[in-house]
Amino acid sequence: MNSALLQFATWLSERSFSIGLHESFYLYNWIETTHVMTLMLSFGMLAVVDLRMLGLAFANVPATKIAERLDKPMLIGFSIMFITGILLYSAIPVRTTQSLWFRIKVILLIVAAINAWLFRGYLLASKNSWDLEAVAPRRARIAAGLSLALWCGVIVTGRFIAYDWFDCGNNNPAFIEWAAGCVAAE
């Protein structure tokens, strides 16, 4: 699997689109800035919803009202963040593919997406049962706490991608080389 991912990353890195993004004087920085700004937008709104579920903020406002009002801007921000993330990956695909932090970030994103999908279904199904309660039921609080923790992990690991602490070929322990997807040169 690591060889296939590396082959794809190598193929992508040789495309003029990837080279142009990576070598651009301003474009990469603008994309990265947009990525971070829309991350703040998405996470900020998500945090408000999660804190409401935990009973730590806006306890007097119905949970579904907060979720409904913040849903569209949060999804717009997430969509732009996702697109700019793909562009950032496309600019430096080989190093990113073999980044331990990137791999952890992707796993956290997948788990966060599953949690959000399950939580959203639960929230919509229980709209009239606990909507006005100051604190949501235990299941919703667990999902909200997990959401906050996962997204904090996504943010931290995303930030760490820029550092070369565990880059392939840095005399890392075998486990780190495996987890980062380092493929020995043949």
Protein backbone atom coordinates (compact mmCIF):
# COMPACT_ATOMS: atom_id res chain seq x y z
CA MET A 1 0.00 0.00 0.00
CA ASN A 2 2.78 2.43 0.88
CA SER A 3 4.46 1.78 -2.47
CA ALA A 4 1.21 2.50 -4.31
CA LEU A 5 0.66 5.72 -2.35
CA LEU A 6 4.24 6.79 -3.05
CA GLN A 7 3.85 5.99 -6.76
CA PHE A 8 0.72 8.12 -6.91
CA ALA A 9 2.43 10.96 -5.01
CA THR A 10 5.44 10.79 -7.32
CA TRP A 11 3.18 10.84 -10.39
CA LEU A 12 1.28 13.83 -8.97
CA SER A 13 4.49 15.69 -8.10
CA GLU A 14 5.58 15.49 -11.75
CA ARG A 15 2.42 17.19 -13.05
CA SER A 16 2.78 20.82 -14.07
CA PHE A 17 -0.14 21.71 -11.78
CA SER A 18 1.74 20.39 -8.73
CA ILE A 19 5.02 21.98 -9.75
CA GLY A 20 3.29 25.31 -10.37
CA LEU A 21 1.62 25.29 -6.97
CA HIS A 22 4.83 24.36 -5.18
CA GLU A 23 7.00 26.88 -7.00
CA SER A 24 4.50 29.73 -7.00
CA PHE A 25 5.70 32.79 -5.13
CA TYR A 26 2.27 33.72 -3.73
CA LEU A 27 -0.32 31.08 -4.66
CA TYR A 28 0.78 28.39 -2.18
CA ASN A 29 0.76 30.96 0.63
CA TRP A 30 -2.70 32.19 -0.33
CA ILE A 31 -4.04 28.64 -0.42
CA GLU A 32 -2.47 27.85 2.94
CA THR A 33 -3.88 31.04 4.46
CA THR A 34 -7.34 30.26 3.08
CA HIS A 35 -7.05 26.73 4.48
CA VAL A 36 -6.25 28.02 7.96
CA MET A 37 -8.92 30.75 7.87
CA THR A 38 -11.67 28.36 6.81
CA LEU A 39 -10.44 25.86 9.41
CA MET A 40 -10.96 28.55 12.03
CA LEU A 41 -14.42 29.30 10.65
CA SER A 42 -15.47 25.65 10.61
CA PHE A 43 -13.92 24.73 13.93
CA GLY A 44 -15.25 27.87 15.62
CA MET A 45 -18.81 27.10 14.62
CA LEU A 46 -18.41 23.42 15.41
CA ALA A 47 -17.04 24.34 18.83
CA VAL A 48 -20.12 26.48 19.56
CA VAL A 49 -22.42 23.55 18.71
CA ASP A 50 -20.30 21.10 20.72
CA LEU A 51 -20.06 23.42 23.72
CA ARG A 52 -23.87 23.80 23.62
CA MET A 53 -24.23 20.03 23.67
CA LEU A 54 -21.89 19.85 26.65
CA GLY A 55 -23.96 22.50 28.45
CA LEU A 56 -21.00 24.90 28.62
CA ALA A 57 -22.37 27.63 26.35
CA PHE A 58 -25.76 28.97 25.24
CA ALA A 59 -27.64 26.61 27.54
CA ASN A 60 -30.81 28.70 27.17
CA VAL A 61 -30.86 28.39 23.35
CA PRO A 62 -32.37 25.26 21.77
CA ALA A 63 -29.64 22.95 20.49
CA THR A 64 -31.25 22.49 17.09
CA LYS A 65 -31.58 26.26 16.62
CA ILE A 66 -27.83 26.71 17.11
CA ALA A 67 -27.07 23.77 14.84
CA GLU A 68 -29.41 25.00 12.12
CA ARG A 69 -28.01 28.55 12.16
CA LEU A 70 -24.38 27.49 12.08
CA ASP A 71 -24.77 24.54 9.74
CA LYS A 72 -24.47 26.32 6.37
CA PRO A 73 -21.52 28.60 7.19
CA MET A 74 -19.76 25.68 8.87
CA LEU A 75 -20.27 23.44 5.82
CA ILE A 76 -19.15 26.20 3.43
CA GLY A 77 -16.02 26.71 5.51
CA PHE A 78 -15.42 22.98 5.68
CA SER A 79 -15.84 22.62 1.91
CA ILE A 80 -13.36 25.37 1.16
CA MET A 81 -10.99 23.96 3.79
CA PHE A 82 -11.24 20.52 2.18
CA ILE A 83 -10.54 21.86 -1.32
CA THR A 84 -7.58 23.94 -0.15
CA GLY A 85 -6.28 20.92 1.78
CA ILE A 86 -6.28 18.89 -1.43
CA LEU A 87 -4.44 21.72 -3.18
CA LEU A 88 -1.85 21.87 -0.38
CA TYR A 89 -1.36 18.12 -0.68
CA SER A 90 -1.04 18.44 -4.46
CA ALA A 91 1.74 21.00 -4.09
CA ILE A 92 4.00 18.72 -2.02
CA PRO A 93 2.60 15.20 -2.46
CA VAL A 94 5.67 12.99 -1.91
CA ARG A 95 6.75 14.51 1.39
CA THR A 96 3.14 14.83 2.57
CA THR A 97 2.34 11.21 1.70
CA GLN A 98 5.27 10.10 3.81
CA SER A 99 4.48 12.39 6.73
CA LEU A 100 3.58 10.68 10.00
CA TRP A 101 1.59 13.76 10.99
CA PHE A 102 -0.37 13.78 7.73
CA ARG A 103 -1.31 10.13 8.18
CA ILE A 104 -2.48 10.74 11.73
CA LYS A 105 -4.42 13.79 10.55
CA VAL A 106 -6.20 11.78 7.86
CA ILE A 107 -7.18 9.08 10.38
CA LEU A 108 -8.48 11.73 12.80
CA LEU A 109 -10.44 13.38 9.97
CA ILE A 110 -12.08 10.10 9.04
CA VAL A 111 -13.03 9.36 12.65
CA ALA A 112 -14.30 12.96 13.07
CA ALA A 113 -16.43 12.61 9.91
CA ILE A 114 -17.96 9.34 11.16
CA ASN A 115 -18.63 10.91 14.56
CA ALA A 116 -20.25 13.97 12.92
CA TRP A 117 -22.41 11.82 10.65
CA LEU A 118 -23.64 9.69 13.56
CA PHE A 119 -24.13 12.71 15.82
CA ARG A 120 -26.04 14.66 13.17
CA GLY A 121 -28.45 11.76 12.72
CA TYR A 122 -28.90 11.51 16.49
CA LEU A 123 -29.50 15.26 16.80
CA LEU A 124 -32.13 15.30 14.04
CA ALA A 125 -33.89 12.20 15.39
CA SER A 126 -34.18 13.61 18.90
CA LYS A 127 -35.12 17.17 17.95
CA ASN A 128 -38.14 17.38 20.24
CA SER A 129 -36.99 15.24 23.17
CA TRP A 130 -34.11 17.20 24.76
CA ASP A 131 -33.71 20.25 22.57
CA LEU A 132 -34.51 22.73 25.35
CA GLU A 133 -32.54 20.99 28.10
CA ALA A 134 -29.47 22.90 29.33
CA VAL A 135 -27.33 19.79 29.02
CA ALA A 136 -27.76 17.22 26.27
CA PRO A 137 -28.08 13.49 27.00
CA ARG A 138 -24.93 11.52 27.73
CA ARG A 139 -24.63 10.16 24.18
CA ALA A 140 -24.69 13.67 22.69
CA ARG A 141 -22.17 14.93 25.26
CA ILE A 142 -19.79 12.08 24.44
CA ALA A 143 -20.11 12.84 20.71
CA ALA A 144 -19.54 16.56 21.33
CA GLY A 145 -16.49 15.94 23.54
CA LEU A 146 -15.10 13.47 21.02
CA SER A 147 -15.69 15.98 18.23
CA LEU A 148 -13.75 18.70 20.05
CA ALA A 149 -10.89 16.31 20.86
CA LEU A 150 -10.67 14.96 17.30
CA TRP A 151 -10.67 18.40 15.71
CA CYS A 152 -8.03 19.64 18.15
CA GLY A 153 -5.98 16.61 17.07
CA VAL A 154 -6.55 17.46 13.40
CA ILE A 155 -5.38 21.03 13.98
CA VAL A 156 -2.26 20.01 15.93
CA THR A 157 -1.21 17.26 13.53
CA GLY A 158 -1.91 19.53 10.56
CA ARG A 159 0.40 22.12 12.02
CA PHE A 160 3.12 19.51 12.65
CA ILE A 161 3.17 18.44 8.97
CA ALA A 162 5.47 21.40 8.28
CA TYR A 163 8.19 20.01 10.54
CA ASP A 164 10.71 17.37 9.48
CA TRP A 165 11.06 15.57 12.82
CA PHE A 166 10.00 12.21 11.40
CA ASP A 167 10.73 12.60 7.69
CA CYS A 168 11.78 9.42 5.93
CA GLY A 169 15.52 8.83 6.06
CA ASN A 170 16.05 10.68 9.36
CA ASN A 171 17.25 7.55 11.22
CA ASN A 172 13.83 7.09 12.78
CA PRO A 173 12.88 3.98 14.74
CA ALA A 174 11.47 1.21 12.53
CA PHE A 175 7.93 1.80 13.83
CA ILE A 176 8.05 5.48 12.82
CA GLU A 177 9.39 4.59 9.37
CA TRP A 178 6.52 2.10 8.97
CA ALA A 179 3.85 4.48 10.31
CA ALA A 180 5.08 7.30 8.07
CA GLY A 181 4.95 4.99 5.05
CA CYS A 182 8.62 5.28 4.26
CA VAL A 183 9.49 3.10 1.30
CA ALA A 184 13.09 2.00 0.89
CA ALA A 185 14.69 3.03 -2.38
CA GLU A 186 14.95 0.06 -4.71
